[in-house]
Amino acid sequence: MEPCHYIDPKAVIEGKAIEKVHIYHTSPDERFVIGLWECSPCKEHIDSYPFDEFMVILNGAVTVTDDEGRSQTFKAGDRFVMQKGWRGTWHMTEPFKKYFVIYAQ
């Protein structure tokens, strides 16, 4: 795992994002990516999720709350999709690790 900076520090509203990633595969056009990502507990506001992403949580938990106030919590073993353009708060309440598959249009 290598240090990375997917989270914009200006978007963090609680805690500090300390991130690491391991990329398993990137397509030649860099639009399709498969990897493993981990982060320290923190909370960020996302103005527009940058891509479609499928993820499987390995450790920790995250609560996602959209700008309309709808909230869902996902924990180890859960699988879900974030859609490009989603707006809201992403709150990891404990150390967090996930497998991810990204498709950037």
N, C-alpha and C. Protein backbone atom coordinates (compact mmCIF):
# COMPACT_ATOMS: atom_id res chain seq x y z
N MET A 1 0.86 -1.18 0.00
CA MET A 1 0.00 0.00 0.00
C MET A 1 0.90 1.24 0.00
N GLU A 2 0.51 2.19 -0.81
CA GLU A 2 1.27 3.44 -0.93
C GLU A 2 0.40 4.62 -0.50
N PRO A 3 1.00 5.65 0.06
CA PRO A 3 0.22 6.86 0.40
C PRO A 3 -0.44 7.43 -0.85
N CYS A 4 -1.63 7.99 -0.66
CA CYS A 4 -2.36 8.62 -1.76
C CYS A 4 -3.16 9.79 -1.21
N HIS A 5 -3.79 10.52 -2.12
CA HIS A 5 -4.56 11.71 -1.72
C HIS A 5 -5.81 11.84 -2.59
N TYR A 6 -6.74 10.90 -2.43
CA TYR A 6 -8.00 10.99 -3.16
C TYR A 6 -8.92 12.04 -2.52
N ILE A 7 -8.86 12.19 -1.22
CA ILE A 7 -9.72 13.14 -0.50
C ILE A 7 -9.08 14.52 -0.52
N ASP A 8 -9.85 15.50 -0.97
CA ASP A 8 -9.39 16.89 -0.97
C ASP A 8 -9.36 17.39 0.47
N PRO A 9 -8.19 17.80 0.98
CA PRO A 9 -8.11 18.26 2.37
C PRO A 9 -9.09 19.40 2.69
N LYS A 10 -9.43 20.21 1.69
CA LYS A 10 -10.38 21.32 1.91
C LYS A 10 -11.80 20.81 2.14
N ALA A 11 -12.07 19.57 1.72
CA ALA A 11 -13.42 19.00 1.88
C ALA A 11 -13.60 18.31 3.22
N VAL A 12 -12.51 18.09 3.96
CA VAL A 12 -12.59 17.40 5.25
C VAL A 12 -13.17 18.34 6.30
N ILE A 13 -14.24 17.88 6.95
CA ILE A 13 -14.91 18.71 7.96
C ILE A 13 -14.73 18.14 9.38
N GLU A 14 -14.11 16.98 9.47
CA GLU A 14 -13.83 16.38 10.78
C GLU A 14 -12.71 15.36 10.62
N GLY A 15 -11.74 15.37 11.53
CA GLY A 15 -10.64 14.41 11.48
C GLY A 15 -9.59 14.80 10.45
N LYS A 16 -8.74 13.84 10.12
CA LYS A 16 -7.69 14.04 9.12
C LYS A 16 -7.62 12.80 8.25
N ALA A 17 -7.67 12.97 6.94
CA ALA A 17 -7.64 11.85 6.01
C ALA A 17 -6.20 11.40 5.77
N ILE A 18 -5.87 10.22 6.29
CA ILE A 18 -4.58 9.60 6.01
C ILE A 18 -4.90 8.36 5.18
N GLU A 19 -4.53 8.40 3.90
CA GLU A 19 -4.97 7.40 2.94
C GLU A 19 -3.81 6.57 2.39
N LYS A 20 -4.15 5.32 2.01
CA LYS A 20 -3.22 4.45 1.30
C LYS A 20 -4.00 3.69 0.23
N VAL A 21 -3.31 3.32 -0.84
CA VAL A 21 -3.96 2.61 -1.93
C VAL A 21 -3.02 1.57 -2.52
N HIS A 22 -3.61 0.50 -3.05
CA HIS A 22 -2.89 -0.46 -3.89
C HIS A 22 -3.75 -0.65 -5.13
N ILE A 23 -3.20 -0.35 -6.30
CA ILE A 23 -3.92 -0.51 -7.55
C ILE A 23 -3.58 -1.87 -8.15
N TYR A 24 -4.62 -2.67 -8.42
CA TYR A 24 -4.43 -3.98 -9.03
C TYR A 24 -4.45 -3.91 -10.55
N HIS A 25 -5.28 -3.01 -11.09
CA HIS A 25 -5.41 -2.92 -12.54
C HIS A 25 -5.91 -1.53 -12.92
N THR A 26 -5.33 -1.00 -13.98
CA THR A 26 -5.82 0.23 -14.61
C THR A 26 -5.88 -0.03 -16.11
N SER A 27 -7.01 0.29 -16.73
CA SER A 27 -7.13 0.11 -18.18
C SER A 27 -6.20 1.08 -18.91
N PRO A 28 -5.87 0.78 -20.16
CA PRO A 28 -4.97 1.67 -20.90
C PRO A 28 -5.46 3.12 -20.98
N ASP A 29 -6.78 3.33 -21.02
CA ASP A 29 -7.30 4.70 -21.07
C ASP A 29 -7.51 5.31 -19.68
N GLU A 30 -7.15 4.55 -18.62
CA GLU A 30 -7.22 4.96 -17.22
C GLU A 30 -8.64 5.28 -16.73
N ARG A 31 -9.65 4.78 -17.43
CA ARG A 31 -11.04 5.02 -17.03
C ARG A 31 -11.59 3.90 -16.15
N PHE A 32 -10.95 2.75 -16.15
CA PHE A 32 -11.38 1.58 -15.38
C PHE A 32 -10.25 1.22 -14.42
N VAL A 33 -10.52 1.24 -13.11
CA VAL A 33 -9.49 1.01 -12.11
C VAL A 33 -10.02 0.06 -11.03
N ILE A 34 -9.18 -0.89 -10.63
CA ILE A 34 -9.51 -1.81 -9.55
C ILE A 34 -8.42 -1.68 -8.49
N GLY A 35 -8.83 -1.56 -7.22
CA GLY A 35 -7.82 -1.42 -6.19
C GLY A 35 -8.33 -1.67 -4.79
N LEU A 36 -7.43 -1.41 -3.84
CA LEU A 36 -7.68 -1.53 -2.41
C LEU A 36 -7.33 -0.17 -1.81
N TRP A 37 -8.21 0.38 -0.98
CA TRP A 37 -8.00 1.71 -0.39
C TRP A 37 -8.32 1.66 1.08
N GLU A 38 -7.51 2.39 1.88
CA GLU A 38 -7.80 2.51 3.30
C GLU A 38 -7.62 3.95 3.72
N CYS A 39 -8.32 4.32 4.81
CA CYS A 39 -8.28 5.69 5.29
C CYS A 39 -8.56 5.73 6.78
N SER A 40 -7.98 6.73 7.42
CA SER A 40 -8.24 6.98 8.84
C SER A 40 -9.65 7.54 9.00
N PRO A 41 -10.20 7.52 10.22
CA PRO A 41 -11.53 8.10 10.44
C PRO A 41 -11.54 9.59 10.08
N CYS A 42 -12.54 10.00 9.33
CA CYS A 42 -12.72 11.41 9.00
C CYS A 42 -14.08 11.59 8.35
N LYS A 43 -14.43 12.84 8.16
CA LYS A 43 -15.71 13.18 7.54
C LYS A 43 -15.44 14.24 6.49
N GLU A 44 -16.00 14.03 5.29
CA GLU A 44 -15.81 14.99 4.21
C GLU A 44 -17.13 15.29 3.53
N HIS A 45 -17.22 16.47 2.94
CA HIS A 45 -18.37 16.80 2.10
C HIS A 45 -17.94 16.69 0.65
N ILE A 46 -18.70 15.94 -0.12
CA ILE A 46 -18.39 15.72 -1.53
C ILE A 46 -19.38 16.52 -2.36
N ASP A 47 -18.87 17.45 -3.15
CA ASP A 47 -19.73 18.28 -4.00
C ASP A 47 -20.26 17.52 -5.21
N SER A 48 -19.45 16.60 -5.74
CA SER A 48 -19.86 15.80 -6.89
C SER A 48 -18.95 14.58 -6.97
N TYR A 49 -19.50 13.38 -6.66
CA TYR A 49 -18.67 12.17 -6.71
C TYR A 49 -18.10 12.06 -8.12
N PRO A 50 -16.79 11.86 -8.26
CA PRO A 50 -16.15 12.02 -9.56
C PRO A 50 -16.32 10.88 -10.57
N PHE A 51 -16.85 9.73 -10.14
CA PHE A 51 -16.98 8.58 -11.03
C PHE A 51 -17.98 7.60 -10.45
N ASP A 52 -18.38 6.60 -11.25
CA ASP A 52 -19.18 5.49 -10.74
C ASP A 52 -18.23 4.52 -10.06
N GLU A 53 -18.60 4.06 -8.85
CA GLU A 53 -17.71 3.18 -8.09
C GLU A 53 -18.50 2.09 -7.36
N PHE A 54 -18.07 0.84 -7.56
CA PHE A 54 -18.58 -0.29 -6.79
C PHE A 54 -17.54 -0.58 -5.72
N MET A 55 -17.98 -0.83 -4.49
CA MET A 55 -17.03 -1.12 -3.42
C MET A 55 -17.53 -2.23 -2.51
N VAL A 56 -16.56 -2.92 -1.90
CA VAL A 56 -16.81 -3.95 -0.90
C VAL A 56 -16.01 -3.52 0.34
N ILE A 57 -16.71 -3.31 1.45
CA ILE A 57 -16.04 -2.87 2.66
C ILE A 57 -15.41 -4.07 3.37
N LEU A 58 -14.13 -3.94 3.67
CA LEU A 58 -13.40 -5.00 4.35
C LEU A 58 -13.31 -4.75 5.85
N ASN A 59 -13.08 -3.51 6.25
CA ASN A 59 -12.98 -3.13 7.65
C ASN A 59 -13.61 -1.76 7.85
N GLY A 60 -14.15 -1.56 9.05
CA GLY A 60 -14.68 -0.25 9.40
C GLY A 60 -16.12 -0.05 8.94
N ALA A 61 -16.52 1.21 8.94
CA ALA A 61 -17.88 1.57 8.56
C ALA A 61 -17.86 2.97 7.98
N VAL A 62 -18.86 3.25 7.15
CA VAL A 62 -19.04 4.58 6.58
C VAL A 62 -20.53 4.91 6.57
N THR A 63 -20.84 6.14 6.92
CA THR A 63 -22.20 6.65 6.80
C THR A 63 -22.20 7.69 5.70
N VAL A 64 -23.03 7.48 4.70
CA VAL A 64 -23.16 8.44 3.60
C VAL A 64 -24.52 9.11 3.74
N THR A 65 -24.51 10.43 3.71
CA THR A 65 -25.74 11.22 3.84
C THR A 65 -25.80 12.18 2.67
N ASP A 66 -26.82 12.02 1.83
CA ASP A 66 -26.89 12.91 0.68
C ASP A 66 -27.38 14.29 1.11
N ASP A 67 -27.29 15.25 0.20
CA ASP A 67 -27.64 16.63 0.53
C ASP A 67 -29.12 16.82 0.86
N GLU A 68 -29.95 15.82 0.58
CA GLU A 68 -31.37 15.87 0.95
C GLU A 68 -31.60 15.29 2.35
N GLY A 69 -30.53 14.76 2.97
CA GLY A 69 -30.65 14.23 4.33
C GLY A 69 -30.86 12.73 4.44
N ARG A 70 -30.93 12.03 3.31
CA ARG A 70 -31.07 10.57 3.34
C ARG A 70 -29.73 9.95 3.70
N SER A 71 -29.75 9.05 4.69
CA SER A 71 -28.51 8.51 5.24
C SER A 71 -28.53 6.98 5.20
N GLN A 72 -27.35 6.39 4.89
CA GLN A 72 -27.18 4.95 4.92
C GLN A 72 -25.82 4.66 5.54
N THR A 73 -25.76 3.57 6.33
CA THR A 73 -24.49 3.15 6.92
C THR A 73 -24.12 1.79 6.35
N PHE A 74 -22.86 1.66 5.95
CA PHE A 74 -22.33 0.42 5.41
C PHE A 74 -21.15 0.00 6.26
N LYS A 75 -21.03 -1.32 6.51
CA LYS A 75 -19.96 -1.83 7.37
C LYS A 75 -19.30 -3.03 6.71
N ALA A 76 -18.29 -3.58 7.38
CA ALA A 76 -17.53 -4.71 6.83
C ALA A 76 -18.47 -5.78 6.29
N GLY A 77 -18.20 -6.21 5.06
CA GLY A 77 -19.01 -7.22 4.39
C GLY A 77 -20.05 -6.64 3.46
N ASP A 78 -20.38 -5.37 3.62
CA ASP A 78 -21.39 -4.73 2.75
C ASP A 78 -20.77 -4.36 1.41
N ARG A 79 -21.65 -4.31 0.40
CA ARG A 79 -21.28 -3.90 -0.96
C ARG A 79 -22.26 -2.83 -1.39
N PHE A 80 -21.75 -1.81 -2.07
CA PHE A 80 -22.66 -0.77 -2.58
C PHE A 80 -22.00 0.00 -3.71
N VAL A 81 -22.80 0.84 -4.36
CA VAL A 81 -22.36 1.64 -5.49
C VAL A 81 -22.57 3.11 -5.17
N MET A 82 -21.56 3.91 -5.48
CA MET A 82 -21.70 5.37 -5.46
C MET A 82 -21.78 5.80 -6.92
N GLN A 83 -22.76 6.64 -7.23
CA GLN A 83 -22.93 7.08 -8.60
C GLN A 83 -22.26 8.43 -8.84
N LYS A 84 -21.70 8.56 -10.02
CA LYS A 84 -21.07 9.81 -10.41
C LYS A 84 -22.06 10.95 -10.21
N GLY A 85 -21.57 12.03 -9.62
CA GLY A 85 -22.41 13.21 -9.40
C GLY A 85 -23.08 13.27 -8.04
N TRP A 86 -23.05 12.17 -7.26
CA TRP A 86 -23.67 12.16 -5.93
C TRP A 86 -23.09 13.29 -5.09
N ARG A 87 -23.95 13.94 -4.29
CA ARG A 87 -23.52 15.03 -3.41
C ARG A 87 -23.91 14.70 -1.98
N GLY A 88 -22.98 14.92 -1.05
CA GLY A 88 -23.32 14.69 0.34
C GLY A 88 -22.09 14.52 1.22
N THR A 89 -22.32 13.92 2.39
CA THR A 89 -21.28 13.73 3.39
C THR A 89 -20.90 12.26 3.47
N TRP A 90 -19.59 12.01 3.48
CA TRP A 90 -19.02 10.67 3.60
C TRP A 90 -18.30 10.66 4.94
N HIS A 91 -18.77 9.83 5.90
CA HIS A 91 -18.22 9.85 7.26
C HIS A 91 -17.75 8.45 7.66
N MET A 92 -16.43 8.29 7.74
CA MET A 92 -15.84 7.03 8.19
C MET A 92 -15.60 7.17 9.69
N THR A 93 -16.29 6.37 10.48
CA THR A 93 -16.27 6.51 11.93
C THR A 93 -15.15 5.72 12.60
N GLU A 94 -14.45 4.91 11.83
CA GLU A 94 -13.34 4.11 12.33
C GLU A 94 -12.41 3.81 11.16
N PRO A 95 -11.21 3.27 11.40
CA PRO A 95 -10.34 2.96 10.27
C PRO A 95 -11.10 2.14 9.23
N PHE A 96 -10.93 2.51 7.98
CA PHE A 96 -11.78 2.02 6.89
C PHE A 96 -10.92 1.42 5.79
N LYS A 97 -11.36 0.26 5.25
CA LYS A 97 -10.66 -0.36 4.12
C LYS A 97 -11.70 -0.95 3.17
N LYS A 98 -11.44 -0.79 1.87
CA LYS A 98 -12.39 -1.30 0.87
C LYS A 98 -11.66 -1.74 -0.39
N TYR A 99 -12.25 -2.72 -1.09
CA TYR A 99 -11.92 -2.99 -2.47
C TYR A 99 -12.80 -2.07 -3.30
N PHE A 100 -12.28 -1.58 -4.41
CA PHE A 100 -13.10 -0.72 -5.27
C PHE A 100 -12.88 -1.04 -6.73
N VAL A 101 -13.93 -0.76 -7.49
CA VAL A 101 -13.89 -0.82 -8.95
C VAL A 101 -14.48 0.50 -9.43
N ILE A 102 -13.68 1.25 -10.17
CA ILE A 102 -14.08 2.58 -10.65
C ILE A 102 -14.22 2.57 -12.16
N TYR A 103 -15.28 3.22 -12.63
CA TYR A 103 -15.42 3.51 -14.05
C TYR A 103 -15.63 5.01 -14.20
N ALA A 104 -14.68 5.68 -14.80
CA ALA A 104 -14.76 7.14 -15.00
C ALA A 104 -15.18 7.40 -16.45
N GLN A 105 -16.30 8.05 -16.62
CA GLN A 105 -16.83 8.35 -17.96
C GLN A 105 -16.19 9.58 -18.54
